[in-house]
Structure formats: structure tokens, C-alpha cells
C-alpha atoms as a PDB file:
ATOM      1  CA  MET A   1     163.432  96.262 112.252  1.00  0.00           C
ATOM      2  CA  ASN A   2     163.787  93.210 114.425  1.00  0.00           C
ATOM      3  CA  ILE A   3     160.218  92.051 115.057  1.00  0.00           C
ATOM      4  CA  THR A   4     158.915  88.557 114.984  1.00  0.00           C
ATOM      5  CA  LYS A   5     156.644  87.006 112.340  1.00  0.00           C
ATOM      6  CA  ARG A   6     153.703  86.896 114.831  1.00  0.00           C
ATOM      7  CA  GLN A   7     154.294  90.597 115.649  1.00  0.00           C
ATOM      8  CA  GLN A   8     154.188  91.431 111.839  1.00  0.00           C
ATOM      9  CA  GLU A   9     150.903  89.580 111.744  1.00  0.00           C
ATOM     10  CA  ILE A  10     149.481  91.462 114.787  1.00  0.00           C
ATOM     11  CA  LEU A  11     150.610  94.789 113.132  1.00  0.00           C
ATOM     12  CA  GLY A  12     148.814  93.828 109.865  1.00  0.00           C
ATOM     13  CA  ILE A  13     145.708  92.862 111.779  1.00  0.00           C
ATOM     14  CA  ILE A  14     145.676  96.304 113.536  1.00  0.00           C
ATOM     15  CA  VAL A  15     146.214  98.362 110.493  1.00  0.00           C
ATOM     16  CA  GLU A  16     143.511  96.572 108.642  1.00  0.00           C
ATOM     17  CA  GLU A  17     140.907  96.406 111.458  1.00  0.00           C
ATOM     18  CA  TYR A  18     141.478 100.102 112.307  1.00  0.00           C
ATOM     19  CA  ALA A  19     140.747 100.999 108.624  1.00  0.00           C
ATOM     20  CA  TYR A  20     137.293  99.562 109.153  1.00  0.00           C
ATOM     21  CA  THR A  21     136.520 100.443 112.821  1.00  0.00           C
ATOM     22  CA  ALA A  22     138.296 103.760 113.301  1.00  0.00           C
ATOM     23  CA  ALA A  23     138.526 102.615 117.000  1.00  0.00           C
ATOM     24  CA  PRO A  24     141.683 101.360 118.830  1.00  0.00           C
ATOM     25  CA  ILE A  25     142.101  97.613 118.598  1.00  0.00           C
ATOM     26  CA  SER A  26     142.351  95.424 121.743  1.00  0.00           C
ATOM     27  CA  SER A  27     144.142  92.188 122.488  1.00  0.00           C
ATOM     28  CA  LYS A  28     140.665  90.686 123.069  1.00  0.00           C
ATOM     29  CA  GLU A  29     139.435  91.542 119.614  1.00  0.00           C
ATOM     30  CA  ILE A  30     142.610  90.064 117.977  1.00  0.00           C
ATOM     31  CA  ILE A  31     142.154  86.883 119.895  1.00  0.00           C
ATOM     32  CA  HIS A  32     138.373  86.695 119.172  1.00  0.00           C
ATOM     33  CA  LYS A  33     138.801  87.311 115.486  1.00  0.00           C
ATOM     34  CA  TYR A  34     142.091  85.971 114.362  1.00  0.00           C
ATOM     35  CA  MET A  35     144.168  84.248 117.057  1.00  0.00           C
ATOM     36  CA  GLN A  36     141.969  82.133 119.221  1.00  0.00           C
ATOM     37  CA  ASP A  37     144.767  79.762 120.112  1.00  0.00           C
ATOM     38  CA  MET A  38     146.953  82.546 121.695  1.00  0.00           C
ATOM     39  CA  SER A  39     146.722  83.907 125.368  1.00  0.00           C
ATOM     40  CA  SER A  40     145.674  87.525 125.995  1.00  0.00           C
ATOM     41  CA  ALA A  41     148.977  88.038 127.869  1.00  0.00           C
ATOM     42  CA  THR A  42     151.106  86.873 124.728  1.00  0.00           C
ATOM     43  CA  ILE A  43     149.147  89.340 122.447  1.00  0.00           C
ATOM     44  CA  ARG A  44     149.540  92.250 124.977  1.00  0.00           C
ATOM     45  CA  ASN A  45     153.075  91.666 125.247  1.00  0.00           C
ATOM     46  CA  ASP A  46     153.577  91.606 121.468  1.00  0.00           C
ATOM     47  CA  MET A  47     151.614  94.800 121.142  1.00  0.00           C
ATOM     48  CA  ALA A  48     153.792  96.442 123.872  1.00  0.00           C
ATOM     49  CA  ALA A  49     156.837  95.361 121.911  1.00  0.00           C
ATOM     50  CA  LEU A  50     155.383  96.895 118.715  1.00  0.00           C
ATOM     51  CA  GLU A  51     154.662 100.133 120.633  1.00  0.00           C
ATOM     52  CA  LYS A  52     158.210 100.214 122.091  1.00  0.00           C
ATOM     53  CA  VAL A  53     159.766 100.257 118.625  1.00  0.00           C
ATOM     54  CA  GLY A  54     157.359 102.934 117.367  1.00  0.00           C
ATOM     55  CA  LEU A  55     155.013 100.955 115.130  1.00  0.00           C
ATOM     56  CA  LEU A  56     151.847 101.248 117.376  1.00  0.00           C
ATOM     57  CA  GLU A  57     150.428 103.968 119.632  1.00  0.00           C
ATOM     58  CA  LYS A  58     148.292 103.767 122.718  1.00  0.00           C
ATOM     59  CA  THR A  59     145.369 106.232 122.931  1.00  0.00           C
ATOM     60  CA  HIS A  60     144.269 107.793 126.066  1.00  0.00           C
ATOM     61  CA  THR A  61     140.679 106.837 125.640  1.00  0.00           C
ATOM     62  CA  SER A  62     141.161 102.987 125.315  1.00  0.00           C
ATOM     63  CA  SER A  63     143.334 100.073 126.283  1.00  0.00           C
ATOM     64  CA  GLY A  64     143.666  99.378 122.520  1.00  0.00           C
ATOM     65  CA  ARG A  65     146.340 100.385 120.073  1.00  0.00           C
ATOM     66  CA  ILE A  66     146.524 102.274 116.809  1.00  0.00           C
ATOM     67  CA  PRO A  67     149.114 102.208 114.104  1.00  0.00           C
ATOM     68  CA  SER A  68     151.723 105.030 114.133  1.00  0.00           C
ATOM     69  CA  ILE A  69     152.941 106.640 110.825  1.00  0.00           C
ATOM     70  CA  ASN A  70     156.050 104.412 111.113  1.00  0.00           C
ATOM     71  CA  GLY A  71     153.659 101.465 111.648  1.00  0.00           C
ATOM     72  CA  TYR A  72     151.822 102.359 108.374  1.00  0.00           C
ATOM     73  CA  LYS A  73     155.129 102.738 106.663  1.00  0.00           C
ATOM     74  CA  PHE A  74     156.366  99.278 107.770  1.00  0.00           C
ATOM     75  CA  TYR A  75     153.073  97.834 106.888  1.00  0.00           C
ATOM     76  CA  GLU A  76     153.266  99.288 103.303  1.00  0.00           C
ATOM     77  CA  SER A  77     156.771  97.987 102.746  1.00  0.00           C
ATOM     78  CA  ASN A  78     156.727  94.576 104.387  1.00  0.00           C
ATOM     79  CA  ILE A  79     153.056  93.308 104.915  1.00  0.00           C
ATOM     80  CA  LEU A  80     150.688  94.977 102.505  1.00  0.00           C
ATOM     81  CA  LYS A  81     149.164  92.728  99.800  1.00  0.00           C
ATOM     82  CA  PRO A  82     147.016  94.342  97.136  1.00  0.00           C
ATOM     83  CA  LYS A  83     143.419  93.097  96.921  1.00  0.00           C
ATOM     84  CA  LEU A  84     140.669  93.594  94.359  1.00  0.00           C
ATOM     85  CA  SER A  85     137.194  92.077  94.869  1.00  0.00           C
ATOM     86  CA  LYS A  86     135.646  90.204  91.921  1.00  0.00           C
ATOM     87  CA  ASN A  87     132.693  92.521  91.947  1.00  0.00           C
ATOM     88  CA  ILE A  88     134.803  95.683  91.458  1.00  0.00           C
ATOM     89  CA  LYS A  89     137.099  93.972  89.018  1.00  0.00           C
ATOM     90  CA  SER A  90     134.123  92.982  86.953  1.00  0.00           C
ATOM     91  CA  LYS A  91     132.790  96.530  86.905  1.00  0.00           C
ATOM     92  CA  LEU A  92     136.222  97.954  85.761  1.00  0.00           C
ATOM     93  CA  GLU A  93     136.524  95.224  83.126  1.00  0.00           C
ATOM     94  CA  LYS A  94     133.200  96.460  81.520  1.00  0.00           C
ATOM     95  CA  ILE A  95     134.712  99.891  81.315  1.00  0.00           C
ATOM     96  CA  PHE A  96     137.960  98.613  79.775  1.00  0.00           C
ATOM     97  CA  ALA A  97     136.136  96.600  77.297  1.00  0.00           C
ATOM     98  CA  GLN A  98     134.723  99.710  75.490  1.00  0.00           C
ATOM     99  CA  ARG A  99     136.398 100.166  72.177  1.00  0.00           C
ATOM    100  CA  ASP A 100     135.030 103.562  70.999  1.00  0.00           C
ATOM    101  CA  VAL A 101     135.805 105.554  74.135  1.00  0.00           C
ATOM    102  CA  SER A 102     138.724 107.776  74.908  1.00  0.00           C
ATOM    103  CA  ILE A 103     141.412 107.096  77.470  1.00  0.00           C
ATOM    104  CA  ASP A 104     140.311 110.241  79.337  1.00  0.00           C
ATOM    105  CA  SER A 105     136.650 108.968  79.444  1.00  0.00           C
ATOM    106  CA  ILE A 106     137.768 105.431  80.651  1.00  0.00           C
ATOM    107  CA  ILE A 107     139.807 106.995  83.415  1.00  0.00           C
ATOM    108  CA  ASP A 108     136.933 109.059  84.508  1.00  0.00           C
ATOM    109  CA  GLN A 109     134.553 106.168  84.590  1.00  0.00           C
ATOM    110  CA  SER A 110     137.114 104.134  86.580  1.00  0.00           C
ATOM    111  CA  VAL A 111     137.449 107.019  89.062  1.00  0.00           C
ATOM    112  CA  SER A 112     133.665 106.793  89.755  1.00  0.00           C
ATOM    113  CA  ILE A 113     134.049 103.202  90.595  1.00  0.00           C
ATOM    114  CA  VAL A 114     137.016 104.032  92.917  1.00  0.00           C
ATOM    115  CA  ASN A 115     135.051 106.691  94.660  1.00  0.00           C
ATOM    116  CA  GLU A 116     132.003 104.535  95.212  1.00  0.00           C
ATOM    117  CA  SER A 117     133.839 101.498  96.320  1.00  0.00           C
ATOM    118  CA  LEU A 118     136.303 103.188  98.704  1.00  0.00           C
ATOM    119  CA  LYS A 119     133.921 106.010  99.811  1.00  0.00           C
ATOM    120  CA  LEU A 120     136.801 108.419  99.328  1.00  0.00           C
ATOM    121  CA  PRO A 121     137.652 111.326  96.959  1.00  0.00           C
ATOM    122  CA  SER A 122     140.196 111.108  94.231  1.00  0.00           C
ATOM    123  CA  VAL A 123     142.259 113.457  92.121  1.00  0.00           C
ATOM    124  CA  VAL A 124     143.163 113.207  88.466  1.00  0.00           C
ATOM    125  CA  THR A 125     146.023 115.317  87.087  1.00  0.00           C
ATOM    126  CA  THR A 126     146.536 115.224  83.409  1.00  0.00           C
ATOM    127  CA  GLU A 127     149.567 116.275  81.404  1.00  0.00           C
ATOM    128  CA  GLN A 128     149.034 116.015  77.663  1.00  0.00           C
ATOM    129  CA  SER A 129     152.003 114.860  75.650  1.00  0.00           C
ATOM    130  CA  ASN A 130     150.479 116.486  72.547  1.00  0.00           C
ATOM    131  CA  GLU A 131     150.328 119.941  74.182  1.00  0.00           C
ATOM    132  CA  LEU A 132     151.911 122.550  71.833  1.00  0.00           C
ATOM    133  CA  LEU A 133     153.590 125.789  72.812  1.00  0.00           C
ATOM    134  CA  LYS A 134     151.653 128.516  71.011  1.00  0.00           C
ATOM    135  CA  ARG A 135     152.918 131.887  72.061  1.00  0.00           C
ATOM    136  CA  PHE A 136     155.122 134.028  74.408  1.00  0.00           C
ATOM    137  CA  ASP A 137     154.095 137.514  75.555  1.00  0.00           C
ATOM    138  CA  LEU A 138     156.046 140.092  77.538  1.00  0.00           C
ATOM    139  CA  ILE A 139     154.323 142.605  79.696  1.00  0.00           C
ATOM    140  CA  GLN A 140     156.347 145.248  81.513  1.00  0.00           C
ATOM    141  CA  ILE A 141     154.683 145.869  84.835  1.00  0.00           C
ATOM    142  CA  ASP A 142     156.924 148.824  86.016  1.00  0.00           C
ATOM    143  CA  GLN A 143     160.510 149.950  85.604  1.00  0.00           C
ATOM    144  CA  ASN A 144     161.768 146.934  87.683  1.00  0.00           C
ATOM    145  CA  THR A 145     159.481 144.159  86.901  1.00  0.00           C
ATOM    146  CA  ALA A 146     158.221 142.248  83.726  1.00  0.00           C
ATOM    147  CA  LEU A 147     155.806 139.407  83.305  1.00  0.00           C
ATOM    148  CA  ILE A 148     156.443 136.651  80.806  1.00  0.00           C
ATOM    149  CA  LEU A 149     153.390 134.457  79.629  1.00  0.00           C
ATOM    150  CA  LEU A 150     153.781 131.151  78.021  1.00  0.00           C
ATOM    151  CA  VAL A 151     150.478 130.013  76.345  1.00  0.00           C
ATOM    152  CA  THR A 152     149.895 126.418  75.295  1.00  0.00           C
ATOM    153  CA  SER A 153     147.567 124.826  72.699  1.00  0.00           C
ATOM    154  CA  SER A 154     144.918 124.088  75.375  1.00  0.00           C
ATOM    155  CA  GLY A 155     144.791 127.711  76.482  1.00  0.00           C
ATOM    156  CA  ALA A 156     146.814 127.034  79.613  1.00  0.00           C
ATOM    157  CA  ILE A 157     149.044 129.993  80.745  1.00  0.00           C
ATOM    158  CA  ASN A 158     152.304 129.690  82.691  1.00  0.00           C
ATOM    159  CA  LYS A 159     153.155 133.018  84.254  1.00  0.00           C
ATOM    160  CA  ASN A 160     156.740 134.123  85.372  1.00  0.00           C
ATOM    161  CA  THR A 161     157.744 137.349  87.020  1.00  0.00           C
ATOM    162  CA  ILE A 162     161.198 138.794  86.105  1.00  0.00           C
ATOM    163  CA  HIS A 163     162.848 141.388  88.381  1.00  0.00           C
ATOM    164  CA  LEU A 164     164.998 143.891  86.481  1.00  0.00           C
ATOM    165  CA  HIS A 165     168.059 145.803  87.637  1.00  0.00           C
ATOM    166  CA  ASN A 166     168.695 147.907  84.572  1.00  0.00           C
ATOM    167  CA  ALA A 167     167.240 148.912  81.154  1.00  0.00           C
ATOM    168  CA  LYS A 168     169.607 146.424  79.222  1.00  0.00           C
ATOM    169  CA  GLN A 169     167.983 143.547  80.927  1.00  0.00           C
ATOM    170  CA  LEU A 170     164.588 144.494  79.512  1.00  0.00           C
ATOM    171  CA  ASP A 171     166.108 144.689  76.123  1.00  0.00           C
ATOM    172  CA  ASP A 172     167.622 141.203  76.652  1.00  0.00           C
ATOM    173  CA  ILE A 173     164.212 139.844  77.720  1.00  0.00           C
ATOM    174  CA  SER A 174     162.645 141.215  74.482  1.00  0.00           C
ATOM    175  CA  VAL A 175     165.305 139.592  72.439  1.00  0.00           C
ATOM    176  CA  CYS A 176     164.797 136.172  74.125  1.00  0.00           C
ATOM    177  CA  ILE A 177     161.031 136.319  73.624  1.00  0.00           C
ATOM    178  CA  ARG A 178     161.437 137.121  69.927  1.00  0.00           C
ATOM    179  CA  ILE A 179     163.833 134.156  69.569  1.00  0.00           C
ATOM    180  CA  PHE A 180     161.455 131.813  71.549  1.00  0.00           C
ATOM    181  CA  ASN A 181     158.495 132.896  69.300  1.00  0.00           C
ATOM    182  CA  ASP A 182     160.671 132.366  66.129  1.00  0.00           C
ATOM    183  CA  ARG A 183     162.018 129.025  67.228  1.00  0.00           C
ATOM    184  CA  LEU A 184     159.650 127.303  69.583  1.00  0.00           C
ATOM    185  CA  VAL A 185     156.080 128.158  68.573  1.00  0.00           C
ATOM    186  CA  ASP A 186     154.133 125.028  67.638  1.00  0.00           C
ATOM    187  CA  THR A 187     156.652 122.699  69.338  1.00  0.00           C
ATOM    188  CA  LEU A 188     155.556 119.845  71.517  1.00  0.00           C
ATOM    189  CA  ILE A 189     156.011 120.902  75.257  1.00  0.00           C
ATOM    190  CA  LYS A 190     157.803 117.457  75.765  1.00  0.00           C
ATOM    191  CA  ASP A 191     160.270 118.304  72.879  1.00  0.00           C
ATOM    192  CA  ILE A 192     161.317 121.750  74.129  1.00  0.00           C
ATOM    193  CA  PRO A 193     164.327 120.523  76.306  1.00  0.00           C
ATOM    194  CA  ALA A 194     165.957 118.971  73.261  1.00  0.00           C
ATOM    195  CA  LYS A 195     165.840 122.408  71.475  1.00  0.00           C
ATOM    196  CA  LEU A 196     167.145 124.556  74.282  1.00  0.00           C
ATOM    197  CA  GLY A 197     170.766 123.758  73.737  1.00  0.00           C
ATOM    198  CA  SER A 198     170.834 125.258  70.330  1.00  0.00           C
ATOM    199  CA  ILE A 199     168.574 128.183  71.385  1.00  0.00           C
ATOM    200  CA  LYS A 200     170.932 129.085  74.215  1.00  0.00           C
ATOM    201  CA  GLU A 201     173.778 129.513  71.885  1.00  0.00           C
ATOM    202  CA  ILE A 202     171.611 131.871  69.703  1.00  0.00           C
ATOM    203  CA  ILE A 203     170.785 133.915  72.800  1.00  0.00           C
ATOM    204  CA  ARG A 204     174.409 133.978  73.916  1.00  0.00           C
ATOM    205  CA  SER A 205     175.372 135.904  70.767  1.00  0.00           C
ATOM    206  CA  ALA A 206     172.344 138.133  70.903  1.00  0.00           C
ATOM    207  CA  VAL A 207     172.092 139.608  74.343  1.00  0.00           C
ATOM    208  CA  HIS A 208     174.060 141.747  76.680  1.00  0.00           C
ATOM    209  CA  GLU A 209     173.797 139.718  79.956  1.00  0.00           C
ATOM    210  CA  TYR A 210     173.755 135.999  79.028  1.00  0.00           C
ATOM    211  CA  GLU A 211     173.855 134.562  82.574  1.00  0.00           C
ATOM    212  CA  PHE A 212     170.848 136.732  83.591  1.00  0.00           C
ATOM    213  CA  CYS A 213     168.873 135.349  80.599  1.00  0.00           C
ATOM    214  CA  ILE A 214     169.832 131.779  81.485  1.00  0.00           C
ATOM    215  CA  ARG A 215     169.050 132.152  85.205  1.00  0.00           C
ATOM    216  CA  GLN A 216     166.064 134.548  85.241  1.00  0.00           C
ATOM    217  CA  ILE A 217     164.397 133.793  82.025  1.00  0.00           C
ATOM    218  CA  ILE A 218     165.088 130.329  80.525  1.00  0.00           C
ATOM    219  CA  GLU A 219     165.368 128.406  83.759  1.00  0.00           C
ATOM    220  CA  LYS A 220     162.059 130.051  85.093  1.00  0.00           C
ATOM    221  CA  ILE A 221     160.050 129.727  81.955  1.00  0.00           C
ATOM    222  CA  PHE A 222     161.059 126.213  81.235  1.00  0.00           C
ATOM    223  CA  ASP A 223     160.782 124.714  84.666  1.00  0.00           C
ATOM    224  CA  PHE A 224     158.725 121.726  83.584  1.00  0.00           C
ATOM    225  CA  ASN A 225     157.582 121.045  87.149  1.00  0.00           C
ATOM    226  CA  LYS A 226     155.716 124.313  86.896  1.00  0.00           C
ATOM    227  CA  MET A 227     154.139 123.669  83.438  1.00  0.00           C
ATOM    228  CA  PRO A 228     150.407 123.822  83.188  1.00  0.00           C
ATOM    229  CA  SER A 229     148.397 120.637  83.887  1.00  0.00           C
ATOM    230  CA  SER A 230     144.788 119.985  84.466  1.00  0.00           C
ATOM    231  CA  THR A 231     143.727 118.839  87.978  1.00  0.00           C
ATOM    232  CA  THR A 232     140.292 117.362  88.601  1.00  0.00           C
ATOM    233  CA  VAL A 233     138.889 116.477  92.030  1.00  0.00           C
ATOM    234  CA  HIS A 234     136.186 113.802  92.150  1.00  0.00           C
ATOM    235  CA  GLY A 235     133.900 112.583  94.901  1.00  0.00           C
ATOM    236  CA  THR A 236     134.554 115.229  97.631  1.00  0.00           C
ATOM    237  CA  LYS A 237     131.050 114.332  99.104  1.00  0.00           C
ATOM    238  CA  TRP A 238     132.624 111.082 100.489  1.00  0.00           C
ATOM    239  CA  LEU A 239     134.842 113.103 102.859  1.00  0.00           C
ATOM    240  CA  THR A 240     131.892 113.626 105.191  1.00  0.00           C
ATOM    241  CA  SER A 241     131.478 109.877 105.616  1.00  0.00           C
ATOM    242  CA  GLN A 242     134.780 109.612 107.327  1.00  0.00           C
ATOM    243  CA  PRO A 243     134.741 110.285 111.165  1.00  0.00           C
ATOM    244  CA  GLU A 244     138.050 112.190 110.920  1.00  0.00           C
ATOM    245  CA  PHE A 245     136.380 114.853 108.796  1.00  0.00           C
ATOM    246  CA  GLN A 246     133.273 115.478 110.799  1.00  0.00           C
ATOM    247  CA  ASN A 247     134.981 118.503 112.318  1.00  0.00           C
ATOM    248  CA  ILE A 248     134.392 121.380 109.987  1.00  0.00           C
ATOM    249  CA  GLU A 249     137.917 122.826 110.597  1.00  0.00           C
ATOM    250  CA  HIS A 250     139.479 119.579 109.503  1.00  0.00           C
ATOM    251  CA  LEU A 251     137.154 119.334 106.542  1.00  0.00           C
ATOM    252  CA  ASN A 252     137.973 122.738 105.260  1.00  0.00           C
ATOM    253  CA  LYS A 253     141.675 122.012 105.535  1.00  0.00           C
ATOM    254  CA  VAL A 254     141.267 118.944 103.437  1.00  0.00           C
ATOM    255  CA  LEU A 255     139.203 120.770 100.832  1.00  0.00           C
ATOM    256  CA  THR A 256     141.874 123.440 100.598  1.00  0.00           C
ATOM    257  CA  MET A 257     144.584 120.878 100.222  1.00  0.00           C
ATOM    258  CA  LEU A 258     142.567 119.033  97.317  1.00  0.00           C
ATOM    259  CA  GLU A 259     142.698 122.347  95.369  1.00  0.00           C
ATOM    260  CA  ASP A 260     146.364 122.844  95.961  1.00  0.00           C
ATOM    261  CA  THR A 261     148.095 122.132  92.514  1.00  0.00           C
ATOM    262  CA  ASN A 262     151.416 122.340  94.019  1.00  0.00           C
ATOM    263  CA  VAL A 263     150.823 119.176  96.283  1.00  0.00           C
ATOM    264  CA  TRP A 264     149.839 117.137  93.211  1.00  0.00           C
ATOM    265  CA  LYS A 265     152.776 118.322  91.145  1.00  0.00           C
ATOM    266  CA  HIS A 266     155.045 117.372  94.005  1.00  0.00           C
ATOM    267  CA  ILE A 267     153.609 113.865  94.412  1.00  0.00           C
ATOM    268  CA  ALA A 268     153.668 113.463  90.605  1.00  0.00           C
ATOM    269  CA  TYR A 269     157.338 114.382  90.471  1.00  0.00           C
ATOM    270  CA  VAL A 270     158.222 111.827  93.254  1.00  0.00           C
ATOM    271  CA  GLN A 271     155.878 109.174  92.021  1.00  0.00           C
ATOM    272  CA  GLN A 272     157.124 109.230  88.416  1.00  0.00           C
ATOM    273  CA  LYS A 273     160.678 108.585  89.699  1.00  0.00           C
ATOM    274  CA  THR A 274     159.592 105.253  91.222  1.00  0.00           C
ATOM    275  CA  GLY A 275     157.046 104.233  88.669  1.00  0.00           C
ATOM    276  CA  LYS A 276     155.069 102.450  91.360  1.00  0.00           C
ATOM    277  CA  THR A 277     151.886 103.226  93.281  1.00  0.00           C
ATOM    278  CA  LEU A 278     153.109 105.539  96.043  1.00  0.00           C
ATOM    279  CA  ILE A 279     151.705 106.325  99.461  1.00  0.00           C
ATOM    280  CA  THR A 280     152.493 109.660 100.862  1.00  0.00           C
ATOM    281  CA  PHE A 281     151.599 110.482 104.371  1.00  0.00           C
ATOM    282  CA  GLY A 282     150.045 113.857 105.403  1.00  0.00           C
ATOM    283  CA  LYS A 283     152.991 114.987 107.535  1.00  0.00           C
ATOM    284  CA  GLU A 284     154.970 115.498 104.263  1.00  0.00           C
ATOM    285  CA  PHE A 285     152.506 118.197 103.143  1.00  0.00           C
ATOM    286  CA  GLY A 286     151.235 119.716 106.382  1.00  0.00           C
ATOM    287  CA  ALA A 287     148.045 117.530 106.992  1.00  0.00           C
ATOM    288  CA  ASN A 288     148.881 115.021 109.575  1.00  0.00           C
ATOM    289  CA  GLU A 289     145.565 113.266 109.564  1.00  0.00           C
ATOM    290  CA  LEU A 290     145.673 112.506 105.728  1.00  0.00           C
ATOM    291  CA  ALA A 291     147.254 110.108 103.329  1.00  0.00           C
ATOM    292  CA  ILE A 292     147.393 109.960  99.555  1.00  0.00           C
ATOM    293  CA  ALA A 293     147.788 106.900  97.509  1.00  0.00           C
ATOM    294  CA  SER A 294     148.823 107.606  93.794  1.00  0.00           C
ATOM    295  CA  THR A 295     149.949 106.051  90.541  1.00  0.00           C
ATOM    296  CA  THR A 296     150.865 107.364  87.194  1.00  0.00           C
ATOM    297  CA  ILE A 297     149.271 105.981  84.078  1.00  0.00           C
ATOM    298  CA  SER A 298     151.209 106.512  80.826  1.00  0.00           C
ATOM    299  CA  SER A 299     149.575 106.403  77.470  1.00  0.00           C
ATOM    300  CA  SER A 300     150.183 107.894  74.042  1.00  0.00           C
ATOM    301  CA  GLY A 301     147.863 110.588  74.917  1.00  0.00           C
ATOM    302  CA  GLY A 302     149.887 111.691  77.942  1.00  0.00           C
ATOM    303  CA  ASN A 303     150.306 111.005  81.636  1.00  0.00           C
ATOM    304  CA  HIS A 304     147.586 110.736  84.042  1.00  0.00           C
ATOM    305  CA  GLN A 305     148.200 110.852  87.829  1.00  0.00           C
ATOM    306  CA  LEU A 306     145.458 109.107  89.741  1.00  0.00           C
ATOM    307  CA  SER A 307     145.437 109.776  93.575  1.00  0.00           C
ATOM    308  CA  VAL A 308     143.046 108.532  96.319  1.00  0.00           C
ATOM    309  CA  VAL A 309     142.849 110.888  99.347  1.00  0.00           C
ATOM    310  CA  GLY A 310     141.644 109.791 102.792  1.00  0.00           C
ATOM    311  CA  PRO A 311     142.433 109.459 106.483  1.00  0.00           C
ATOM    312  CA  THR A 312     145.695 107.800 107.461  1.00  0.00           C
ATOM    313  CA  ARG A 313     143.769 104.630 108.451  1.00  0.00           C
ATOM    314  CA  MET A 314     142.716 104.011 104.705  1.00  0.00           C
ATOM    315  CA  ASN A 315     142.360 100.313 103.486  1.00  0.00           C
ATOM    316  CA  TYR A 316     145.698 100.361 101.618  1.00  0.00           C
ATOM    317  CA  SER A 317     145.308  96.805 100.332  1.00  0.00           C
ATOM    318  CA  GLU A 318     142.199  97.581  98.492  1.00  0.00           C
ATOM    319  CA  ILE A 319     143.397 101.023  97.279  1.00  0.00           C
ATOM    320  CA  LYS A 320     146.681  99.577  95.869  1.00  0.00           C
ATOM    321  CA  GLY A 321     144.764  96.661  94.277  1.00  0.00           C
ATOM    322  CA  LEU A 322     142.401  99.164  92.568  1.00  0.00           C
ATOM    323  CA  LEU A 323     145.181 101.603  91.547  1.00  0.00           C
ATOM    324  CA  ASP A 324     147.544  98.778  90.248  1.00  0.00           C
ATOM    325  CA  PHE A 325     144.752  97.150  88.236  1.00  0.00           C
ATOM    326  CA  ILE A 326     143.560 100.383  86.604  1.00  0.00           C
ATOM    327  CA  LYS A 327     147.194 101.385  85.791  1.00  0.00           C
ATOM    328  CA  SER A 328     147.936  97.936  84.264  1.00  0.00           C
ATOM    329  CA  GLU A 329     144.704  97.856  82.142  1.00  0.00           C
ATOM    330  CA  VAL A 330     144.587 101.515  80.927  1.00  0.00           C
ATOM    331  CA  GLU A 331     148.375 101.263  79.820  1.00  0.00           C
ATOM    332  CA  LYS A 332     147.450  98.135  77.883  1.00  0.00           C
ATOM    333  CA  LEU A 333     144.663 100.028  76.087  1.00  0.00           C
ATOM    334  CA  GLY A 334     147.009 102.987  75.519  1.00  0.00           C
ATOM    335  CA  SER A 335     149.491 100.835  73.706  1.00  0.00           C
ATOM    336  CA  GLN A 336     147.017  99.283  71.310  1.00  0.00           C
END
């Protein structure tokens, strides 16, 4: 996008000021705080140019401007610089210095610091790499429907409904479940994909409708984007401190989203492909006033996805600084 260096600077100022004030930013404010040597006309022209290319928006209640979603995306890609205050860094370093505490506990303590410093809630999704597959169960619901349950060592249950067209398909399901219990019980969840090739060949020679078994049973049961994981929400009390969520309808919408595990699984899937701290804007999951910043922390005990949830005008520099630092330090501990 063809904007000048000064226009980039103005966009950065507006994004960061708006994060603190929650009010549109005027040219007078920019001059007073940041660009005393510039004329008001020059700043207004630059703001108009940024609005024309879709990076700023003008509200009806003020002469000032606020960032658009495209403005936030441009800021994230081209302007954002992670920041971490010495005070917060010192608090986190004390947590990381503990040697007799589990990674899970260290992450939980770190999340408390994140919540208090940002005044925003966070979500931790944990997928244990040492999770074992413990049992398959088959429950026939009626003549045309069966339910397959996959139970893991933590007690988590993955449910899949299978629709039947004839009696032979129920027989085929029973055969598959018996093979799974014989061959996969006590296997690490993460090791199952490597075993499926040989199991498919065993199933091919043992069932009537092989393609049905592959499509309706194996692909459904072993959809690892749907595998059980634990999701914990921390610090929801901070939502009410944000002006965007004073409206009870907006607040309820956010609380519902926080409990929606599909949102976190989708973000985890996208985030793990990049390996970087990811910012997802609410339009992508049906909540326009929200944004989610997330990172994945990998350790020998499994993956932890740490996400911060807040209004679109969040302080992205501070959030990214926190998430990047926590990810780096916890992964160092996890490799020791």
C-alpha cells in the first residue's frame, strides 16, 4: 500500500492512542503529543489520505479518526513493535525461575500476570502429548444410527454419530471397533496417524464396505482437529472494565464465544501453521468488536495455546511482547 513514512507514523499513533482512550483521535491531539513541528492542515490531509485507502474511519460523533480493521492489519504487519515493561518482565522472570513447579503451573501463574497487566481475559487450551487412547465403544441408537465413543486416558470423550443404510454397515462398524480396540488401545494419540496405514489394510480384508468404513468411521473418528483438549478461561471479570462491553448484550455475546471450543480449535489450527503470535479479528468468527491474540507454546508435556481476548482497540504491542516472552521462556524450560 502506497502511504508515506509520516502517514505510517500517524496510523501507528492513532492505533496506540485509541487503545488507551477508546475515543477518536484528532489532528490537534497528534500535534500536541507527538508532532509539534507539523501544521494541523498537514496532519488532517494525511489522516484524510489514510481514510481514503481504508486504514482509518471517521465516526459521526467526532472530527477524529479511529483505525479500521484493515488499518489494524496494516499496523500489525508493518508498524507493530513488541513491548514489555521492566516491571512485568521482572514478575514473569520470578515465575520462570521456579524449578520445582510444573509447566502447567508456570503457565497458569503467567496468565494471572497477563490478565492483571492487560485488564483482559485470556484462554488456555492444552493438548497433552502423553494422552493415551484407552477405549472404543459402540452404541446403536436405532436401526439407522450408531454412536462411536473414543475415550482417552484423561477421561475425555470424543463422540461421533454414524448414519447407517443397511445391516451390513453395522456389522462393519462392529468389526472396525474390535480392530481398533485390539490394535490401538494404550497408543499415544499423537502416534495414531502412523498406525492407521496398516490398520486400514486389516480393515479392507475384514469388512463388506471398505469405502464406507474409511469415509464414515476412520476419517470421522480420527479427525484430530476434533480430538479432545482442555480449554480454560481466565479473568472474565476484566471484560466489564472495557467500555465496549458495558452493553449486556455485547458482554453475553463475548462470554458465549469464550466458551465455544470450536473457536479455539480453529485458531489453534491456523496459529500452529505459522508458528508465530497470531492476531485474529472478530469478523472471522462472527464478533466484529473483538480481537484475539494467540500463541502456541510447545513443550515435552504437550502444546498450550495461550490467547488474549479483548476489544479490537487492544494494546497489540504490549500483548505481543507478553506472549512472545512467555512462549520463549516456557519453551526454554520445557527443553531442559
